[in-house]
Amino acid sequence: MAVDTSRKGYKWEVVLLLWVAFFLNQADRQAFNIVLPLIQQHLGASDSTMGLLSTLFNVFYAIVVPFAGYYADRLSRSRQIWISVLIFSTATLLTGFSGGIFSLILFRCFGMGVGQGMFGPTYTGIIASYHDSSTRARAMSIHQTSYYLGVIACGFLAGLLAERLGWQYAFFIFGGAGVLFTAVLVFRLKDKPAEKTPEQTAEKAPSLLAAIAAIFKVPTAVCMLVAYCCLIFGLNGYLTWMPKYMKETFDLSLSSAGFHSMFWTHAAAFVGVLVAGSLSDRIASKVNGGKNRLLLQAAGMLLASPCIVMMGVSQTFVVVCAALAGFGFFRAFFDAGTYAVLYDVIEPKYYSLSSAVLILFGFGIGSLAPWILGMIGDRFGLSGGIASLAAVWVVAAIVLVIARMAFFDKDAKKIQNI
């Protein structure tokens, strides 16, 4: 049965399909961090070695992203999505069979990195094609909740499965679910039919380097890129090491540490992104209001910074959980506006590629966080390393304010005149 992409509600079905795919994407990714202590014990590896594995995943992910974004803007985004889900789900499944460092690098780092790298810049392009500025931030905010729920669910289930059945079963179950869901995507997820004039259709597509150069000529996009790098650096450090840190600091079980380290942050972020998404669209509907998305993002990063410090230095369980919640709620203010801001200053033909460039640099630089914090953990303990991530987010807030004050109006006007 053919899918009617012109149907009024189909644009929200697209969000739902991508929601489930992204849920599995994040569950597969976070499974490794939750069961990391058991894998580390199994391998007899140091913190720095385990941090390096997380770094390698992010490196492979970052390398694939620009090529995925480039071809997603030219070929079929929907096909790239289901191929991506099939690859990273299969790699997750095979990670359960890993018996050493090499197989972890092959399946967890390379396979997962390639599969998820294909997904990252593509889903935003599909959502943006079906949703205009009146619903775009709301649609992306709803989609973003799958990230939070995926990490929360994985934080508990992966730990529970590892305790009851062995760490391998977390990968077997999450990976297998993704392989099955691929069939749904093949039949239901479709690209929006192109709406081009004959002149646009005949226009020669720019090269990858030319497209990247065009993005770097937009100061607001460059500022967003710097802020995104700071965001991902902090998140990668937190996601990799917070479960182990809470397990050791408060003597928790693996499932309990996985739950508490992920639940409070992402439950609060779930609420935060819905609040911020609606607020972001509301302030952007006013005259010259798009730039106020940047102010909302900067406020979120700044308010999250003291929460990060408390996450790392407090020895009181309730205080750490409260800090995790504050960290999650305020970081969602950045999440809600990321692509909405970017697409306000970037030509539509660069939607997927601009997302790819953002992810390339964000995860390329952010990939260093697990390794750096792992080396700090080997020598001094994880507490100070986690707390120091706050400084990186303060830098992001400053850069976003600069973008709002100095660049956004000019960059947005250029796009309106094209």
Protein backbone atom coordinates (compact mmCIF):
# COMPACT_ATOMS: atom_id res chain seq x y z
CA MET A 1 0.00 0.00 0.00
CA ALA A 2 1.46 3.35 -1.08
CA VAL A 3 2.13 5.99 1.55
CA ASP A 4 0.28 9.29 1.03
CA THR A 5 2.89 11.88 1.97
CA SER A 6 0.45 14.71 1.22
CA ARG A 7 -1.90 13.58 3.99
CA LYS A 8 -2.26 16.29 6.65
CA GLY A 9 -1.12 14.10 9.53
CA TYR A 10 1.76 12.41 7.72
CA LYS A 11 4.30 15.02 8.80
CA TRP A 12 3.63 13.93 12.40
CA GLU A 13 3.84 10.24 11.45
CA VAL A 14 7.32 11.07 10.16
CA VAL A 15 8.19 12.49 13.58
CA LEU A 16 6.83 9.32 15.26
CA LEU A 17 8.81 6.95 13.02
CA LEU A 18 11.99 8.92 13.56
CA TRP A 19 11.20 9.12 17.28
CA VAL A 20 11.30 5.33 17.59
CA ALA A 21 14.42 5.10 15.43
CA PHE A 22 16.22 7.70 17.54
CA PHE A 23 15.07 5.97 20.75
CA LEU A 24 16.80 2.80 19.56
CA ASN A 25 19.78 4.85 18.39
CA GLN A 26 20.35 6.28 21.85
CA ALA A 27 19.55 3.05 23.71
CA ASP A 28 22.15 1.22 21.62
CA ARG A 29 24.71 3.94 22.21
CA GLN A 30 24.19 4.23 25.94
CA ALA A 31 24.15 0.47 26.61
CA PHE A 32 27.95 0.44 26.46
CA ASN A 33 28.30 3.20 29.06
CA ILE A 34 25.91 1.49 31.48
CA VAL A 35 27.63 -1.91 31.40
CA LEU A 36 31.10 -0.37 31.10
CA PRO A 37 32.23 -1.53 34.60
CA LEU A 38 31.43 -5.17 33.74
CA ILE A 39 33.14 -4.98 30.35
CA GLN A 40 36.11 -3.24 32.01
CA GLN A 41 36.31 -6.03 34.59
CA HIS A 42 35.98 -8.66 31.87
CA LEU A 43 38.87 -7.13 29.91
CA GLY A 44 40.96 -6.05 32.91
CA ALA A 45 41.24 -2.59 31.30
CA SER A 46 42.03 0.82 32.81
CA ASP A 47 39.73 3.87 32.80
CA SER A 48 41.81 5.49 30.08
CA THR A 49 41.49 2.39 27.85
CA MET A 50 37.70 2.32 28.26
CA GLY A 51 37.57 6.07 27.66
CA LEU A 52 39.59 5.57 24.48
CA LEU A 53 36.99 3.07 23.21
CA SER A 54 34.28 5.69 23.65
CA THR A 55 36.49 8.24 21.93
CA LEU A 56 37.05 5.93 18.94
CA PHE A 57 33.30 5.46 18.50
CA ASN A 58 32.85 9.22 18.36
CA VAL A 59 35.76 9.59 15.93
CA PHE A 60 34.26 7.08 13.46
CA TYR A 61 30.88 8.73 13.95
CA ALA A 62 32.30 12.19 13.21
CA ILE A 63 34.17 11.00 10.09
CA VAL A 64 31.05 9.46 8.52
CA VAL A 65 28.68 12.34 9.28
CA PRO A 66 29.72 14.90 6.59
CA PHE A 67 29.52 12.31 3.83
CA ALA A 68 26.14 11.15 5.13
CA GLY A 69 24.87 14.71 5.20
CA TYR A 70 26.18 15.45 1.71
CA TYR A 71 24.49 12.45 0.12
CA ALA A 72 21.31 12.80 2.20
CA ASP A 73 20.73 16.19 0.54
CA ARG A 74 21.11 14.61 -2.90
CA LEU A 75 19.77 11.07 -2.65
CA SER A 76 17.02 9.51 -0.54
CA ARG A 77 16.99 10.60 3.11
CA SER A 78 14.43 7.96 4.07
CA ARG A 79 16.51 5.16 2.54
CA GLN A 80 19.60 6.41 4.34
CA ILE A 81 17.66 6.34 7.63
CA TRP A 82 16.61 2.69 7.41
CA ILE A 83 20.03 1.57 6.19
CA SER A 84 21.52 3.44 9.13
CA VAL A 85 19.18 1.76 11.65
CA LEU A 86 19.96 -1.66 10.16
CA ILE A 87 23.72 -1.09 10.40
CA PHE A 88 23.91 0.27 13.94
CA SER A 89 21.38 -2.29 15.25
CA THR A 90 23.33 -5.17 13.71
CA ALA A 91 26.57 -3.76 15.12
CA THR A 92 24.94 -3.51 18.57
CA LEU A 93 23.78 -7.12 18.32
CA LEU A 94 27.29 -8.28 17.37
CA THR A 95 28.85 -6.27 20.22
CA GLY A 96 27.32 -8.84 22.55
CA PHE A 97 29.61 -11.46 21.02
CA SER A 98 32.75 -9.37 21.59
CA GLY A 99 35.49 -11.05 23.57
CA GLY A 100 38.32 -8.54 23.39
CA ILE A 101 39.45 -5.04 22.52
CA PHE A 102 39.68 -5.69 18.76
CA SER A 103 36.12 -6.97 18.42
CA LEU A 104 34.83 -4.05 20.50
CA ILE A 105 36.64 -1.64 18.20
CA LEU A 106 35.19 -3.42 15.15
CA PHE A 107 31.57 -3.64 16.28
CA ARG A 108 31.11 -0.99 18.97
CA CYS A 109 33.41 1.70 17.55
CA PHE A 110 33.45 1.16 13.78
CA GLY A 111 30.08 -0.51 13.10
CA MET A 112 28.10 1.66 15.51
CA GLY A 113 30.01 4.77 14.47
CA VAL A 114 29.27 4.26 10.77
CA GLY A 115 25.60 3.36 11.29
CA GLN A 116 24.83 6.19 13.69
CA GLY A 117 26.90 8.63 11.66
CA MET A 118 24.54 8.01 8.74
CA PHE A 119 21.53 8.73 10.96
CA GLY A 120 22.67 11.94 12.66
CA PRO A 121 22.49 14.53 9.86
CA THR A 122 19.65 12.84 7.98
CA TYR A 123 16.69 12.81 10.33
CA THR A 124 16.84 16.58 10.85
CA GLY A 125 16.62 17.11 7.10
CA ILE A 126 13.47 14.99 6.82
CA ILE A 127 11.76 16.77 9.72
CA ALA A 128 12.73 20.18 8.33
CA SER A 129 11.35 19.27 4.89
CA TYR A 130 7.91 18.39 6.32
CA HIS A 131 7.72 21.13 8.99
CA ASP A 132 8.05 24.84 8.28
CA SER A 133 9.09 27.49 10.81
CA SER A 134 5.64 27.44 12.47
CA THR A 135 6.06 23.87 13.76
CA ARG A 136 9.74 23.05 13.20
CA ALA A 137 11.12 23.65 16.70
CA ARG A 138 8.09 21.90 18.23
CA ALA A 139 8.51 18.87 15.95
CA MET A 140 12.22 18.65 16.68
CA SER A 141 11.60 19.08 20.40
CA ILE A 142 9.07 16.24 20.40
CA HIS A 143 11.55 14.14 18.46
CA GLN A 144 14.28 15.04 20.97
CA THR A 145 12.28 13.43 23.78
CA SER A 146 13.15 10.04 22.25
CA TYR A 147 16.76 10.73 23.14
CA TYR A 148 15.88 11.30 26.78
CA LEU A 149 13.57 8.29 27.06
CA GLY A 150 16.03 6.08 25.18
CA VAL A 151 18.82 6.91 27.60
CA ILE A 152 16.55 6.53 30.65
CA ALA A 153 15.17 3.17 29.52
CA CYS A 154 18.63 1.92 28.66
CA GLY A 155 20.04 3.23 31.91
CA PHE A 156 17.79 0.90 33.86
CA LEU A 157 17.19 -2.03 31.49
CA ALA A 158 20.80 -2.44 30.37
CA GLY A 159 21.97 -2.55 33.99
CA LEU A 160 19.20 -4.97 34.97
CA LEU A 161 19.86 -7.30 32.03
CA ALA A 162 23.60 -7.23 32.76
CA GLU A 163 23.03 -8.14 36.42
CA ARG A 164 20.52 -10.90 35.72
CA LEU A 165 21.77 -12.41 32.44
CA GLY A 166 25.19 -10.93 31.66
CA TRP A 167 26.34 -7.73 29.98
CA GLN A 168 26.05 -9.31 26.51
CA TYR A 169 22.25 -9.51 26.67
CA ALA A 170 21.79 -5.74 26.74
CA PHE A 171 23.33 -5.64 23.28
CA PHE A 172 21.41 -8.68 22.04
CA ILE A 173 17.99 -7.26 22.99
CA PHE A 174 18.48 -3.61 21.98
CA GLY A 175 20.21 -4.57 18.73
CA GLY A 176 17.57 -7.15 17.83
CA ALA A 177 14.74 -4.66 18.36
CA GLY A 178 16.39 -2.24 15.93
CA VAL A 179 16.80 -4.89 13.24
CA LEU A 180 13.06 -5.68 13.46
CA PHE A 181 12.03 -2.00 13.37
CA THR A 182 13.99 -1.51 10.14
CA ALA A 183 11.16 -3.29 8.28
CA VAL A 184 8.64 -0.70 9.51
CA LEU A 185 10.83 2.15 8.28
CA VAL A 186 11.25 0.56 4.85
CA PHE A 187 7.48 0.56 4.28
CA ARG A 188 6.35 3.74 6.09
CA LEU A 189 9.09 6.39 5.99
CA LYS A 190 9.18 8.35 2.72
CA ASP A 191 10.89 11.48 1.48
CA LYS A 192 8.81 14.57 0.86
CA PRO A 193 8.34 15.02 -2.90
CA ALA A 194 10.69 17.69 -4.22
CA GLU A 195 9.20 21.10 -4.81
CA LYS A 196 11.60 22.59 -7.35
CA THR A 197 11.35 24.84 -10.36
CA PRO A 198 12.86 23.60 -13.64
CA GLU A 199 15.74 26.03 -13.10
CA GLN A 200 16.46 24.64 -9.62
CA THR A 201 16.25 21.07 -10.86
CA ALA A 202 18.79 21.80 -13.59
CA GLU A 203 21.14 23.55 -11.17
CA LYS A 204 24.35 21.63 -10.60
CA ALA A 205 24.75 20.40 -7.03
CA PRO A 206 27.71 21.97 -5.20
CA SER A 207 30.69 19.88 -4.20
CA LEU A 208 31.15 18.78 -0.60
CA LEU A 209 34.00 21.23 0.00
CA ALA A 210 32.09 24.08 -1.62
CA ALA A 211 29.05 23.36 0.55
CA ILE A 212 31.13 23.25 3.73
CA ALA A 213 32.84 26.50 2.73
CA ALA A 214 29.43 28.13 2.21
CA ILE A 215 28.37 27.15 5.74
CA PHE A 216 31.57 28.53 7.25
CA LYS A 217 30.84 31.88 5.65
CA VAL A 218 27.84 32.27 7.99
CA PRO A 219 29.09 33.66 11.34
CA THR A 220 25.97 32.60 13.25
CA ALA A 221 26.42 29.02 12.03
CA VAL A 222 30.08 29.09 13.10
CA CYS A 223 29.10 30.32 16.58
CA MET A 224 26.49 27.58 16.80
CA LEU A 225 29.15 25.07 15.81
CA VAL A 226 31.49 26.22 18.62
CA ALA A 227 28.66 26.07 21.17
CA TYR A 228 27.65 22.63 19.94
CA CYS A 229 31.22 21.37 20.36
CA CYS A 230 31.13 22.56 23.98
CA LEU A 231 27.74 20.89 24.51
CA ILE A 232 28.86 17.51 23.13
CA PHE A 233 32.16 17.61 25.02
CA GLY A 234 30.23 17.95 28.27
CA LEU A 235 27.60 15.38 27.37
CA ASN A 236 30.11 12.76 26.23
CA GLY A 237 32.04 13.11 29.47
CA TYR A 238 28.85 12.84 31.53
CA LEU A 239 27.29 9.94 29.60
CA THR A 240 30.46 7.84 29.67
CA TRP A 241 31.52 8.24 33.28
CA MET A 242 28.55 9.29 35.43
CA PRO A 243 27.17 5.72 35.83
CA LYS A 244 30.53 4.44 37.10
CA TYR A 245 31.07 7.55 39.23
CA MET A 246 27.73 7.10 41.01
CA LYS A 247 28.27 3.36 41.42
CA GLU A 248 31.61 3.93 43.17
CA THR A 249 30.70 7.11 45.10
CA PHE A 250 27.43 5.84 46.58
CA ASP A 251 28.07 2.06 46.45
CA LEU A 252 25.10 1.40 44.15
CA SER A 253 24.28 -1.69 42.12
CA LEU A 254 24.89 -1.48 38.38
CA SER A 255 21.17 -1.15 37.55
CA SER A 256 20.64 1.45 40.29
CA ALA A 257 23.66 3.49 39.20
CA GLY A 258 22.52 3.28 35.57
CA PHE A 259 19.02 4.41 36.51
CA HIS A 260 19.91 7.32 38.79
CA SER A 261 22.74 8.65 36.61
CA MET A 262 20.41 8.81 33.58
CA PHE A 263 16.85 9.17 34.91
CA TRP A 264 16.98 12.49 36.75
CA THR A 265 18.83 14.26 33.96
CA HIS A 266 16.75 12.99 31.08
CA ALA A 267 13.36 13.08 32.82
CA ALA A 268 13.99 16.76 33.58
CA ALA A 269 15.25 17.29 30.02
CA PHE A 270 12.05 15.69 28.68
CA VAL A 271 10.05 18.41 30.44
CA GLY A 272 12.59 21.10 29.61
CA VAL A 273 12.68 20.47 25.87
CA LEU A 274 8.89 20.59 25.54
CA VAL A 275 8.79 23.86 27.48
CA ALA A 276 11.73 25.30 25.56
CA GLY A 277 10.46 24.07 22.16
CA SER A 278 7.11 25.78 22.57
CA LEU A 279 8.74 28.91 23.95
CA SER A 280 11.31 28.92 21.14
CA ASP A 281 8.62 28.85 18.43
CA ARG A 282 6.64 31.54 20.27
CA ILE A 283 9.50 34.03 20.53
CA ALA A 284 10.57 33.26 16.96
CA SER A 285 7.11 34.17 15.65
CA LYS A 286 7.67 37.78 16.64
CA VAL A 287 9.45 40.32 14.41
CA ASN A 288 13.17 39.52 14.41
CA GLY A 289 12.38 36.99 17.13
CA GLY A 290 14.45 34.16 15.67
CA LYS A 291 17.57 35.53 17.30
CA ASN A 292 15.96 35.14 20.71
CA ARG A 293 16.32 31.38 20.33
CA LEU A 294 20.04 32.01 20.81
CA LEU A 295 19.41 33.88 24.05
CA LEU A 296 17.27 31.00 25.31
CA GLN A 297 20.05 28.56 24.50
CA ALA A 298 22.71 30.69 26.19
CA ALA A 299 20.59 30.97 29.34
CA GLY A 300 20.20 27.20 29.44
CA MET A 301 23.94 26.54 29.16
CA LEU A 302 24.76 29.14 31.81
CA LEU A 303 22.16 27.86 34.29
CA ALA A 304 23.27 24.26 33.77
CA SER A 305 26.91 25.04 34.65
CA PRO A 306 26.60 25.20 38.48
CA CYS A 307 24.59 21.98 38.34
CA ILE A 308 27.53 20.28 36.62
CA VAL A 309 29.86 21.42 39.39
CA MET A 310 27.55 19.96 42.05
CA MET A 311 27.30 16.69 40.12
CA GLY A 312 31.03 16.23 40.49
CA VAL A 313 31.86 17.60 43.93
CA SER A 314 28.87 16.79 46.16
CA GLN A 315 29.05 13.68 48.31
CA THR A 316 25.32 13.80 49.14
CA PHE A 317 23.16 11.51 47.01
CA VAL A 318 20.05 13.72 47.04
CA VAL A 319 22.08 16.80 46.06
CA VAL A 320 23.71 14.95 43.16
CA CYS A 321 20.31 13.76 41.89
CA ALA A 322 18.94 17.31 42.14
CA ALA A 323 21.98 18.62 40.28
CA LEU A 324 21.49 15.98 37.56
CA ALA A 325 17.88 17.14 37.17
CA GLY A 326 18.88 20.80 36.91
CA PHE A 327 21.59 19.92 34.41
CA GLY A 328 19.07 18.06 32.25
CA PHE A 329 16.31 20.67 32.41
CA PHE A 330 18.54 23.57 31.42
CA ARG A 331 20.56 21.75 28.74
CA ALA A 332 17.24 21.08 26.99
CA PHE A 333 17.03 24.82 26.28
CA PHE A 334 19.95 24.36 23.92
CA ASP A 335 18.53 21.17 22.36
CA ALA A 336 15.20 22.82 21.53
CA GLY A 337 16.74 25.51 19.33
CA THR A 338 19.82 23.95 17.77
CA TYR A 339 18.57 23.11 14.29
CA ALA A 340 15.84 25.75 14.30
CA VAL A 341 18.55 28.43 14.69
CA LEU A 342 20.81 26.78 12.15
CA TYR A 343 18.05 26.55 9.55
CA ASP A 344 17.18 30.22 10.09
CA VAL A 345 20.56 31.18 8.62
CA ILE A 346 21.31 28.29 6.22
CA GLU A 347 19.90 27.72 2.72
CA PRO A 348 17.44 24.77 2.56
CA LYS A 349 19.65 22.87 0.11
CA TYR A 350 22.27 22.64 2.86
CA TYR A 351 19.96 21.42 5.66
CA SER A 352 21.38 17.91 6.04
CA LEU A 353 24.91 18.97 5.24
CA SER A 354 24.89 21.80 7.76
CA SER A 355 23.69 19.33 10.41
CA ALA A 356 26.50 17.01 9.32
CA VAL A 357 29.14 19.71 9.74
CA LEU A 358 27.75 20.50 13.19
CA ILE A 359 27.94 16.85 14.21
CA LEU A 360 31.35 16.33 12.59
CA PHE A 361 33.02 19.01 14.68
CA GLY A 362 30.84 18.45 17.74
CA PHE A 363 31.61 14.77 18.03
CA GLY A 364 35.11 15.08 16.63
CA ILE A 365 36.12 17.47 19.42
CA GLY A 366 33.65 16.07 21.95
CA SER A 367 35.05 12.58 21.39
CA LEU A 368 38.08 13.57 23.46
CA ALA A 369 36.04 14.03 26.65
CA PRO A 370 35.72 10.32 27.66
CA TRP A 371 39.45 9.75 27.12
CA ILE A 372 40.48 12.94 28.93
CA LEU A 373 38.19 12.21 31.88
CA GLY A 374 39.42 8.60 31.88
CA MET A 375 43.03 9.76 32.22
CA ILE A 376 41.98 12.17 34.98
CA GLY A 377 40.17 9.28 36.67
CA ASP A 378 43.25 7.04 36.55
CA ARG A 379 45.31 9.69 38.34
CA PHE A 380 43.02 11.85 40.46
CA GLY A 381 39.52 10.36 40.41
CA LEU A 382 36.52 11.33 38.30
CA SER A 383 35.05 14.00 40.60
CA GLY A 384 37.18 16.95 39.49
CA GLY A 385 37.02 15.96 35.83
CA ILE A 386 33.20 15.93 35.84
CA ALA A 387 32.99 19.28 37.69
CA SER A 388 35.42 20.93 35.25
CA LEU A 389 32.99 20.33 32.36
CA ALA A 390 31.04 23.37 33.64
CA ALA A 391 33.71 25.75 32.35
CA VAL A 392 33.23 24.43 28.82
CA TRP A 393 29.51 25.21 28.96
CA VAL A 394 30.12 28.76 30.19
CA VAL A 395 32.21 29.30 27.05
CA ALA A 396 29.27 28.05 24.95
CA ALA A 397 26.91 30.56 26.58
CA ILE A 398 29.28 33.45 25.83
CA VAL A 399 29.61 32.44 22.17
CA LEU A 400 25.83 32.20 21.75
CA VAL A 401 25.33 35.70 23.16
CA ILE A 402 27.94 37.04 20.72
CA ALA A 403 26.08 35.37 17.83
CA ARG A 404 22.80 36.99 18.89
CA MET A 405 24.24 40.45 19.36
CA ALA A 406 26.58 40.62 16.38
CA PHE A 407 25.63 38.21 13.59
CA PHE A 408 22.14 36.73 13.52
CA ASP A 409 20.19 39.61 11.96
CA LYS A 410 22.55 39.96 9.01
CA ASP A 411 22.75 36.21 8.38
CA ALA A 412 18.97 35.70 8.57
CA LYS A 413 18.34 38.63 6.22
CA LYS A 414 20.66 37.10 3.60
CA ILE A 415 18.61 33.88 3.60
CA GLN A 416 15.33 35.81 3.28
CA ASN A 417 16.69 37.59 0.21
CA ILE A 418 17.73 34.40 -1.59
